Amino acid sequence: MTLTVNIPDDLAKELGAGFKNVGRAALEALAAEAYAKDVLSLEQVRRLLELESRWEAQVVLSRLGAWPAQSAEEILGDARRSYEFRQSVQ
């Protein structure tokens, strides 16, 4: 798929000054949003961004503050496991 975005000339100039590669920044933002909303997996993000490894994809996502969506049950389970671990090492 080819995606074309129309940006007014004055804003394009501003964006060009703020980003080394506006197209890449837009693609990374899309990938991060799709990952956070559980639309794409980490491996799919890697492929979309044409990165060599999943670690590189994770670095991009971390830089953008994107984490996979979690349900309340998953969060509570993580908290319970953390509590149990802390109790076992005391």
PDB file of N, CA and C in Angstrom:
ATOM      1  N   MET A   1       0.849  -1.172   0.000  1.00  0.00           N
ATOM      2  CA  MET A   1       0.000   0.000   0.000  1.00  0.00           C
ATOM      3  C   MET A   1       0.891   1.230   0.000  1.00  0.00           C
ATOM      4  N   THR A   2       0.515   2.158  -0.806  1.00  0.00           N
ATOM      5  CA  THR A   2       1.189   3.451  -0.811  1.00  0.00           C
ATOM      6  C   THR A   2       0.236   4.454  -0.178  1.00  0.00           C
ATOM      7  N   LEU A   3       0.745   5.226   0.749  1.00  0.00           N
ATOM      8  CA  LEU A   3      -0.058   6.208   1.457  1.00  0.00           C
ATOM      9  C   LEU A   3       0.490   7.593   1.144  1.00  0.00           C
ATOM     10  N   THR A   4      -0.382   8.471   0.705  1.00  0.00           N
ATOM     11  CA  THR A   4       0.015   9.836   0.404  1.00  0.00           C
ATOM     12  C   THR A   4      -0.675  10.762   1.393  1.00  0.00           C
ATOM     13  N   VAL A   5       0.098  11.668   1.944  1.00  0.00           N
ATOM     14  CA  VAL A   5      -0.440  12.637   2.905  1.00  0.00           C
ATOM     15  C   VAL A   5      -0.197  14.028   2.356  1.00  0.00           C
ATOM     16  N   ASN A   6      -1.244  14.823   2.299  1.00  0.00           N
ATOM     17  CA  ASN A   6      -1.123  16.207   1.841  1.00  0.00           C
ATOM     18  C   ASN A   6      -0.951  17.113   3.049  1.00  0.00           C
ATOM     19  N   ILE A   7       0.138  17.857   3.029  1.00  0.00           N
ATOM     20  CA  ILE A   7       0.453  18.780   4.121  1.00  0.00           C
ATOM     21  C   ILE A   7       0.618  20.169   3.507  1.00  0.00           C
ATOM     22  N   PRO A   8      -0.047  21.164   4.078  1.00  0.00           N
ATOM     23  CA  PRO A   8       0.121  22.527   3.568  1.00  0.00           C
ATOM     24  C   PRO A   8       1.604  22.920   3.550  1.00  0.00           C
ATOM     25  N   ASP A   9       1.989  23.667   2.539  1.00  0.00           N
ATOM     26  CA  ASP A   9       3.399  24.022   2.334  1.00  0.00           C
ATOM     27  C   ASP A   9       4.039  24.664   3.568  1.00  0.00           C
ATOM     28  N   ASP A  10       3.324  25.578   4.214  1.00  0.00           N
ATOM     29  CA  ASP A  10       3.921  26.247   5.374  1.00  0.00           C
ATOM     30  C   ASP A  10       4.162  25.263   6.515  1.00  0.00           C
ATOM     31  N   LEU A  11       3.250  24.307   6.691  1.00  0.00           N
ATOM     32  CA  LEU A  11       3.437  23.308   7.748  1.00  0.00           C
ATOM     33  C   LEU A  11       4.504  22.286   7.354  1.00  0.00           C
ATOM     34  N   ALA A  12       4.586  21.970   6.081  1.00  0.00           N
ATOM     35  CA  ALA A  12       5.613  21.042   5.608  1.00  0.00           C
ATOM     36  C   ALA A  12       7.004  21.598   5.901  1.00  0.00           C
ATOM     37  N   LYS A  13       7.158  22.893   5.724  1.00  0.00           N
ATOM     38  CA  LYS A  13       8.440  23.531   6.017  1.00  0.00           C
ATOM     39  C   LYS A  13       8.770  23.401   7.504  1.00  0.00           C
ATOM     40  N   GLU A  14       7.786  23.648   8.350  1.00  0.00           N
ATOM     41  CA  GLU A  14       7.986  23.524   9.801  1.00  0.00           C
ATOM     42  C   GLU A  14       8.311  22.078  10.191  1.00  0.00           C
ATOM     43  N   LEU A  15       7.559  21.137   9.625  1.00  0.00           N
ATOM     44  CA  LEU A  15       7.809  19.733   9.928  1.00  0.00           C
ATOM     45  C   LEU A  15       9.183  19.301   9.435  1.00  0.00           C
ATOM     46  N   GLY A  16       9.570  19.783   8.270  1.00  0.00           N
ATOM     47  CA  GLY A  16      10.887  19.463   7.725  1.00  0.00           C
ATOM     48  C   GLY A  16      12.006  19.950   8.618  1.00  0.00           C
ATOM     49  N   ALA A  17      11.783  21.083   9.269  1.00  0.00           N
ATOM     50  CA  ALA A  17      12.795  21.621  10.177  1.00  0.00           C
ATOM     51  C   ALA A  17      12.854  20.820  11.478  1.00  0.00           C
ATOM     52  N   GLY A  18      11.717  20.211  11.851  1.00  0.00           N
ATOM     53  CA  GLY A  18      11.659  19.489  13.126  1.00  0.00           C
ATOM     54  C   GLY A  18      12.003  18.013  13.041  1.00  0.00           C
ATOM     55  N   PHE A  19      11.944  17.454  11.851  1.00  0.00           N
ATOM     56  CA  PHE A  19      12.207  16.028  11.669  1.00  0.00           C
ATOM     57  C   PHE A  19      13.198  15.820  10.536  1.00  0.00           C
ATOM     58  N   LYS A  20      14.131  14.920  10.750  1.00  0.00           N
ATOM     59  CA  LYS A  20      15.085  14.599   9.694  1.00  0.00           C
ATOM     60  C   LYS A  20      14.367  13.955   8.509  1.00  0.00           C
ATOM     61  N   ASN A  21      13.388  13.067   8.818  1.00  0.00           N
ATOM     62  CA  ASN A  21      12.640  12.361   7.785  1.00  0.00           C
ATOM     63  C   ASN A  21      11.175  12.306   8.217  1.00  0.00           C
ATOM     64  N   VAL A  22      10.366  13.210   7.705  1.00  0.00           N
ATOM     65  CA  VAL A  22       8.959  13.313   8.106  1.00  0.00           C
ATOM     66  C   VAL A  22       8.203  12.031   7.783  1.00  0.00           C
ATOM     67  N   GLY A  23       8.467  11.457   6.621  1.00  0.00           N
ATOM     68  CA  GLY A  23       7.787  10.223   6.237  1.00  0.00           C
ATOM     69  C   GLY A  23       8.071   9.091   7.202  1.00  0.00           C
ATOM     70  N   ARG A  24       9.335   8.956   7.590  1.00  0.00           N
ATOM     71  CA  ARG A  24       9.714   7.903   8.533  1.00  0.00           C
ATOM     72  C   ARG A  24       9.077   8.153   9.895  1.00  0.00           C
ATOM     73  N   ALA A  25       9.054   9.395  10.333  1.00  0.00           N
ATOM     74  CA  ALA A  25       8.438   9.729  11.615  1.00  0.00           C
ATOM     75  C   ALA A  25       6.950   9.375  11.613  1.00  0.00           C
ATOM     76  N   ALA A  26       6.279   9.650  10.497  1.00  0.00           N
ATOM     77  CA  ALA A  26       4.856   9.325  10.383  1.00  0.00           C
ATOM     78  C   ALA A  26       4.653   7.812  10.407  1.00  0.00           C
ATOM     79  N   LEU A  27       5.498   7.065   9.707  1.00  0.00           N
ATOM     80  CA  LEU A  27       5.383   5.608   9.673  1.00  0.00           C
ATOM     81  C   LEU A  27       5.632   5.011  11.058  1.00  0.00           C
ATOM     82  N   GLU A  28       6.627   5.518  11.766  1.00  0.00           N
ATOM     83  CA  GLU A  28       6.898   5.033  13.116  1.00  0.00           C
ATOM     84  C   GLU A  28       5.748   5.350  14.062  1.00  0.00           C
ATOM     85  N   ALA A  29       5.156   6.531  13.915  1.00  0.00           N
ATOM     86  CA  ALA A  29       4.016   6.891  14.758  1.00  0.00           C
ATOM     87  C   ALA A  29       2.827   5.966  14.494  1.00  0.00           C
ATOM     88  N   LEU A  30       2.591   5.646  13.236  1.00  0.00           N
ATOM     89  CA  LEU A  30       1.520   4.720  12.877  1.00  0.00           C
ATOM     90  C   LEU A  30       1.797   3.340  13.462  1.00  0.00           C
ATOM     91  N   ALA A  31       3.019   2.859  13.331  1.00  0.00           N
ATOM     92  CA  ALA A  31       3.390   1.554  13.866  1.00  0.00           C
ATOM     93  C   ALA A  31       3.216   1.518  15.386  1.00  0.00           C
ATOM     94  N   ALA A  32       3.636   2.571  16.060  1.00  0.00           N
ATOM     95  CA  ALA A  32       3.516   2.629  17.518  1.00  0.00           C
ATOM     96  C   ALA A  32       2.049   2.617  17.954  1.00  0.00           C
ATOM     97  N   GLU A  33       1.227   3.365  17.275  1.00  0.00           N
ATOM     98  CA  GLU A  33      -0.205   3.400  17.615  1.00  0.00           C
ATOM     99  C   GLU A  33      -0.853   2.042  17.363  1.00  0.00           C
ATOM    100  N   ALA A  34      -0.497   1.412  16.241  1.00  0.00           N
ATOM    101  CA  ALA A  34      -1.060   0.094  15.923  1.00  0.00           C
ATOM    102  C   ALA A  34      -0.606  -0.949  16.946  1.00  0.00           C
ATOM    103  N   TYR A  35       0.627  -0.851  17.406  1.00  0.00           N
ATOM    104  CA  TYR A  35       1.139  -1.784  18.411  1.00  0.00           C
ATOM    105  C   TYR A  35       0.435  -1.563  19.746  1.00  0.00           C
ATOM    106  N   ALA A  36       0.289  -0.312  20.140  1.00  0.00           N
ATOM    107  CA  ALA A  36      -0.356   0.003  21.415  1.00  0.00           C
ATOM    108  C   ALA A  36      -1.813  -0.442  21.433  1.00  0.00           C
ATOM    109  N   LYS A  37      -2.459  -0.409  20.278  1.00  0.00           N
ATOM    110  CA  LYS A  37      -3.868  -0.817  20.193  1.00  0.00           C
ATOM    111  C   LYS A  37      -4.018  -2.297  19.867  1.00  0.00           C
ATOM    112  N   ASP A  38      -2.903  -3.020  19.887  1.00  0.00           N
ATOM    113  CA  ASP A  38      -2.903  -4.466  19.644  1.00  0.00           C
ATOM    114  C   ASP A  38      -3.377  -4.825  18.241  1.00  0.00           C
ATOM    115  N   VAL A  39      -3.134  -3.920  17.294  1.00  0.00           N
ATOM    116  CA  VAL A  39      -3.466  -4.171  15.887  1.00  0.00           C
ATOM    117  C   VAL A  39      -2.309  -4.916  15.222  1.00  0.00           C
ATOM    118  N   LEU A  40      -1.077  -4.531  15.575  1.00  0.00           N
ATOM    119  CA  LEU A  40       0.115  -5.182  15.038  1.00  0.00           C
ATOM    120  C   LEU A  40       0.935  -5.783  16.175  1.00  0.00           C
ATOM    121  N   SER A  41       1.558  -6.916  15.889  1.00  0.00           N
ATOM    122  CA  SER A  41       2.482  -7.532  16.841  1.00  0.00           C
ATOM    123  C   SER A  41       3.854  -6.869  16.712  1.00  0.00           C
ATOM    124  N   LEU A  42       4.736  -7.215  17.621  1.00  0.00           N
ATOM    125  CA  LEU A  42       6.101  -6.687  17.558  1.00  0.00           C
ATOM    126  C   LEU A  42       6.775  -7.109  16.253  1.00  0.00           C
ATOM    127  N   GLU A  43       6.574  -8.356  15.853  1.00  0.00           N
ATOM    128  CA  GLU A  43       7.162  -8.841  14.600  1.00  0.00           C
ATOM    129  C   GLU A  43       6.582  -8.091  13.398  1.00  0.00           C
ATOM    130  N   GLN A  44       5.307  -7.795  13.418  1.00  0.00           N
ATOM    131  CA  GLN A  44       4.701  -7.041  12.317  1.00  0.00           C
ATOM    132  C   GLN A  44       5.225  -5.613  12.273  1.00  0.00           C
ATOM    133  N   VAL A  45       5.448  -5.018  13.439  1.00  0.00           N
ATOM    134  CA  VAL A  45       6.045  -3.679  13.500  1.00  0.00           C
ATOM    135  C   VAL A  45       7.448  -3.727  12.897  1.00  0.00           C
ATOM    136  N   ARG A  46       8.213  -4.765  13.236  1.00  0.00           N
ATOM    137  CA  ARG A  46       9.561  -4.919  12.679  1.00  0.00           C
ATOM    138  C   ARG A  46       9.518  -4.956  11.155  1.00  0.00           C
ATOM    139  N   ARG A  47       8.583  -5.725  10.616  1.00  0.00           N
ATOM    140  CA  ARG A  47       8.455  -5.835   9.165  1.00  0.00           C
ATOM    141  C   ARG A  47       8.010  -4.517   8.546  1.00  0.00           C
ATOM    142  N   LEU A  48       7.029  -3.854   9.162  1.00  0.00           N
ATOM    143  CA  LEU A  48       6.526  -2.580   8.639  1.00  0.00           C
ATOM    144  C   LEU A  48       7.639  -1.541   8.568  1.00  0.00           C
ATOM    145  N   LEU A  49       8.471  -1.510   9.595  1.00  0.00           N
ATOM    146  CA  LEU A  49       9.546  -0.521   9.659  1.00  0.00           C
ATOM    147  C   LEU A  49      10.828  -1.005   8.988  1.00  0.00           C
ATOM    148  N   GLU A  50      10.786  -2.221   8.430  1.00  0.00           N
ATOM    149  CA  GLU A  50      11.928  -2.816   7.729  1.00  0.00           C
ATOM    150  C   GLU A  50      13.184  -2.826   8.597  1.00  0.00           C
ATOM    151  N   LEU A  51      13.022  -3.306   9.813  1.00  0.00           N
ATOM    152  CA  LEU A  51      14.135  -3.394  10.752  1.00  0.00           C
ATOM    153  C   LEU A  51      14.699  -4.805  10.748  1.00  0.00           C
ATOM    154  N   GLU A  52      15.950  -4.942  11.132  1.00  0.00           N
ATOM    155  CA  GLU A  52      16.629  -6.234  11.112  1.00  0.00           C
ATOM    156  C   GLU A  52      16.168  -7.170  12.225  1.00  0.00           C
ATOM    157  N   SER A  53      15.838  -6.609  13.386  1.00  0.00           N
ATOM    158  CA  SER A  53      15.498  -7.472  14.514  1.00  0.00           C
ATOM    159  C   SER A  53      14.308  -6.921  15.291  1.00  0.00           C
ATOM    160  N   ARG A  54      13.721  -7.812  16.081  1.00  0.00           N
ATOM    161  CA  ARG A  54      12.623  -7.394  16.963  1.00  0.00           C
ATOM    162  C   ARG A  54      13.139  -6.439  18.030  1.00  0.00           C
ATOM    163  N   TRP A  55      14.421  -6.586  18.399  1.00  0.00           N
ATOM    164  CA  TRP A  55      15.008  -5.684  19.395  1.00  0.00           C
ATOM    165  C   TRP A  55      15.011  -4.248  18.879  1.00  0.00           C
ATOM    166  N   GLU A  56      15.338  -4.084  17.607  1.00  0.00           N
ATOM    167  CA  GLU A  56      15.320  -2.745  17.014  1.00  0.00           C
ATOM    168  C   GLU A  56      13.903  -2.174  17.022  1.00  0.00           C
ATOM    169  N   ALA A  57      12.934  -3.028  16.729  1.00  0.00           N
ATOM    170  CA  ALA A  57      11.533  -2.586  16.762  1.00  0.00           C
ATOM    171  C   ALA A  57      11.155  -2.157  18.172  1.00  0.00           C
ATOM    172  N   GLN A  58      11.589  -2.924  19.164  1.00  0.00           N
ATOM    173  CA  GLN A  58      11.275  -2.589  20.556  1.00  0.00           C
ATOM    174  C   GLN A  58      11.910  -1.262  20.953  1.00  0.00           C
ATOM    175  N   VAL A  59      13.111  -0.984  20.462  1.00  0.00           N
ATOM    176  CA  VAL A  59      13.774   0.297  20.752  1.00  0.00           C
ATOM    177  C   VAL A  59      12.938   1.451  20.196  1.00  0.00           C
ATOM    178  N   VAL A  60      12.466   1.314  18.956  1.00  0.00           N
ATOM    179  CA  VAL A  60      11.632   2.366  18.347  1.00  0.00           C
ATOM    180  C   VAL A  60      10.355   2.555  19.151  1.00  0.00           C
ATOM    181  N   LEU A  61       9.697   1.455  19.479  1.00  0.00           N
ATOM    182  CA  LEU A  61       8.441   1.547  20.225  1.00  0.00           C
ATOM    183  C   LEU A  61       8.660   2.149  21.611  1.00  0.00           C
ATOM    184  N   SER A  62       9.742   1.766  22.265  1.00  0.00           N
ATOM    185  CA  SER A  62      10.045   2.320  23.586  1.00  0.00           C
ATOM    186  C   SER A  62      10.302   3.815  23.498  1.00  0.00           C
ATOM    187  N   ARG A  63      11.048   4.222  22.458  1.00  0.00           N
ATOM    188  CA  ARG A  63      11.335   5.653  22.272  1.00  0.00           C
ATOM    189  C   ARG A  63      10.041   6.443  22.104  1.00  0.00           C
ATOM    190  N   LEU A  64       9.052   5.818  21.487  1.00  0.00           N
ATOM    191  CA  LEU A  64       7.769   6.482  21.238  1.00  0.00           C
ATOM    192  C   LEU A  64       6.771   6.252  22.369  1.00  0.00           C
ATOM    193  N   GLY A  65       7.175   5.520  23.396  1.00  0.00           N
ATOM    194  CA  GLY A  65       6.298   5.279  24.543  1.00  0.00           C
ATOM    195  C   GLY A  65       5.145   4.342  24.244  1.00  0.00           C
ATOM    196  N   ALA A  66       5.336   3.429  23.306  1.00  0.00           N
ATOM    197  CA  ALA A  66       4.268   2.510  22.917  1.00  0.00           C
ATOM    198  C   ALA A  66       4.442   1.171  23.614  1.00  0.00           C
ATOM    199  N   TRP A  67       3.410   0.755  24.286  1.00  0.00           N
ATOM    200  CA  TRP A  67       3.400  -0.535  24.964  1.00  0.00           C
ATOM    201  C   TRP A  67       2.115  -1.243  24.556  1.00  0.00           C
ATOM    202  N   PRO A  68       2.150  -2.571  24.512  1.00  0.00           N
ATOM    203  CA  PRO A  68       0.937  -3.287  24.114  1.00  0.00           C
ATOM    204  C   PRO A  68      -0.184  -3.056  25.121  1.00  0.00           C
ATOM    205  N   ALA A  69      -1.395  -3.018  24.627  1.00  0.00           N
ATOM    206  CA  ALA A  69      -2.557  -2.838  25.501  1.00  0.00           C
ATOM    207  C   ALA A  69      -2.649  -4.013  26.463  1.00  0.00           C
ATOM    208  N   GLN A  70      -3.056  -3.739  27.683  1.00  0.00           N
ATOM    209  CA  GLN A  70      -3.232  -4.790  28.675  1.00  0.00           C
ATOM    210  C   GLN A  70      -4.614  -4.675  29.279  1.00  0.00           C
ATOM    211  N   SER A  71      -5.194  -5.817  29.557  1.00  0.00           N
ATOM    212  CA  SER A  71      -6.500  -5.820  30.226  1.00  0.00           C
ATOM    213  C   SER A  71      -6.282  -5.609  31.720  1.00  0.00           C
ATOM    214  N   ALA A  72      -7.345  -5.267  32.418  1.00  0.00           N
ATOM    215  CA  ALA A  72      -7.261  -5.101  33.872  1.00  0.00           C
ATOM    216  C   ALA A  72      -6.828  -6.404  34.528  1.00  0.00           C
ATOM    217  N   GLU A  73      -7.290  -7.534  33.996  1.00  0.00           N
ATOM    218  CA  GLU A  73      -6.925  -8.836  34.558  1.00  0.00           C
ATOM    219  C   GLU A  73      -5.417  -9.086  34.417  1.00  0.00           C
ATOM    220  N   GLU A  74      -4.853  -8.708  33.274  1.00  0.00           N
ATOM    221  CA  GLU A  74      -3.411  -8.880  33.075  1.00  0.00           C
ATOM    222  C   GLU A  74      -2.613  -8.010  34.036  1.00  0.00           C
ATOM    223  N   ILE A  75      -3.054  -6.793  34.237  1.00  0.00           N
ATOM    224  CA  ILE A  75      -2.367  -5.880  35.149  1.00  0.00           C
ATOM    225  C   ILE A  75      -2.448  -6.402  36.580  1.00  0.00           C
ATOM    226  N   LEU A  76      -3.623  -6.854  36.987  1.00  0.00           N
ATOM    227  CA  LEU A  76      -3.775  -7.401  38.333  1.00  0.00           C
ATOM    228  C   LEU A  76      -2.943  -8.673  38.509  1.00  0.00           C
ATOM    229  N   GLY A  77      -2.880  -9.497  37.476  1.00  0.00           N
ATOM    230  CA  GLY A  77      -2.052 -10.707  37.535  1.00  0.00           C
ATOM    231  C   GLY A  77      -0.585 -10.362  37.689  1.00  0.00           C
ATOM    232  N   ASP A  78      -0.120  -9.351  36.949  1.00  0.00           N
ATOM    233  CA  ASP A  78       1.267  -8.902  37.083  1.00  0.00           C
ATOM    234  C   ASP A  78       1.540  -8.393  38.490  1.00  0.00           C
ATOM    235  N   ALA A  79       0.594  -7.621  39.033  1.00  0.00           N
ATOM    236  CA  ALA A  79       0.759  -7.085  40.388  1.00  0.00           C
ATOM    237  C   ALA A  79       0.805  -8.228  41.406  1.00  0.00           C
ATOM    238  N   ARG A  80      -0.052  -9.242  41.236  1.00  0.00           N
ATOM    239  CA  ARG A  80      -0.068 -10.378  42.143  1.00  0.00           C
ATOM    240  C   ARG A  80       1.251 -11.146  42.073  1.00  0.00           C
ATOM    241  N   ARG A  81       1.761 -11.396  40.881  1.00  0.00           N
ATOM    242  CA  ARG A  81       3.032 -12.108  40.737  1.00  0.00           C
ATOM    243  C   ARG A  81       4.185 -11.305  41.338  1.00  0.00           C
ATOM    244  N   SER A  82       4.147  -9.990  41.162  1.00  0.00           N
ATOM    245  CA  SER A  82       5.179  -9.137  41.747  1.00  0.00           C
ATOM    246  C   SER A  82       5.139  -9.218  43.272  1.00  0.00           C
ATOM    247  N   TYR A  83       3.943  -9.165  43.835  1.00  0.00           N
ATOM    248  CA  TYR A  83       3.781  -9.259  45.288  1.00  0.00           C
ATOM    249  C   TYR A  83       4.299 -10.609  45.788  1.00  0.00           C
ATOM    250  N   GLU A  84       3.915 -11.684  45.096  1.00  0.00           N
ATOM    251  CA  GLU A  84       4.330 -13.027  45.504  1.00  0.00           C
ATOM    252  C   GLU A  84       5.850 -13.165  45.422  1.00  0.00           C
ATOM    253  N   PHE A  85       6.442 -12.582  44.400  1.00  0.00           N
ATOM    254  CA  PHE A  85       7.893 -12.632  44.274  1.00  0.00           C
ATOM    255  C   PHE A  85       8.567 -11.894  45.417  1.00  0.00           C
ATOM    256  N   ARG A  86       8.068 -10.691  45.713  1.00  0.00           N
ATOM    257  CA  ARG A  86       8.658  -9.906  46.814  1.00  0.00           C
ATOM    258  C   ARG A  86       8.547 -10.656  48.137  1.00  0.00           C
ATOM    259  N   GLN A  87       7.436 -11.336  48.349  1.00  0.00           N
ATOM    260  CA  GLN A  87       7.250 -12.101  49.591  1.00  0.00           C
ATOM    261  C   GLN A  87       8.229 -13.282  49.656  1.00  0.00           C
ATOM    262  N   SER A  88       8.526 -13.882  48.515  1.00  0.00           N
ATOM    263  CA  SER A  88       9.396 -15.058  48.502  1.00  0.00           C
ATOM    264  C   SER A  88      10.864 -14.708  48.745  1.00  0.00           C
ATOM    265  N   VAL A  89      11.265 -13.467  48.494  1.00  0.00           N
ATOM    266  CA  VAL A  89      12.676 -13.086  48.684  1.00  0.00           C
ATOM    267  C   VAL A  89      12.929 -12.390  50.010  1.00  0.00           C
ATOM    268  N   GLN A  90      11.908 -12.209  50.795  1.00  0.00           N
ATOM    269  CA  GLN A  90      12.103 -11.538  52.102  1.00  0.00           C
ATOM    270  C   GLN A  90      12.486 -12.522  53.169  1.00  0.00           C
TER     271      GLN A  90
END
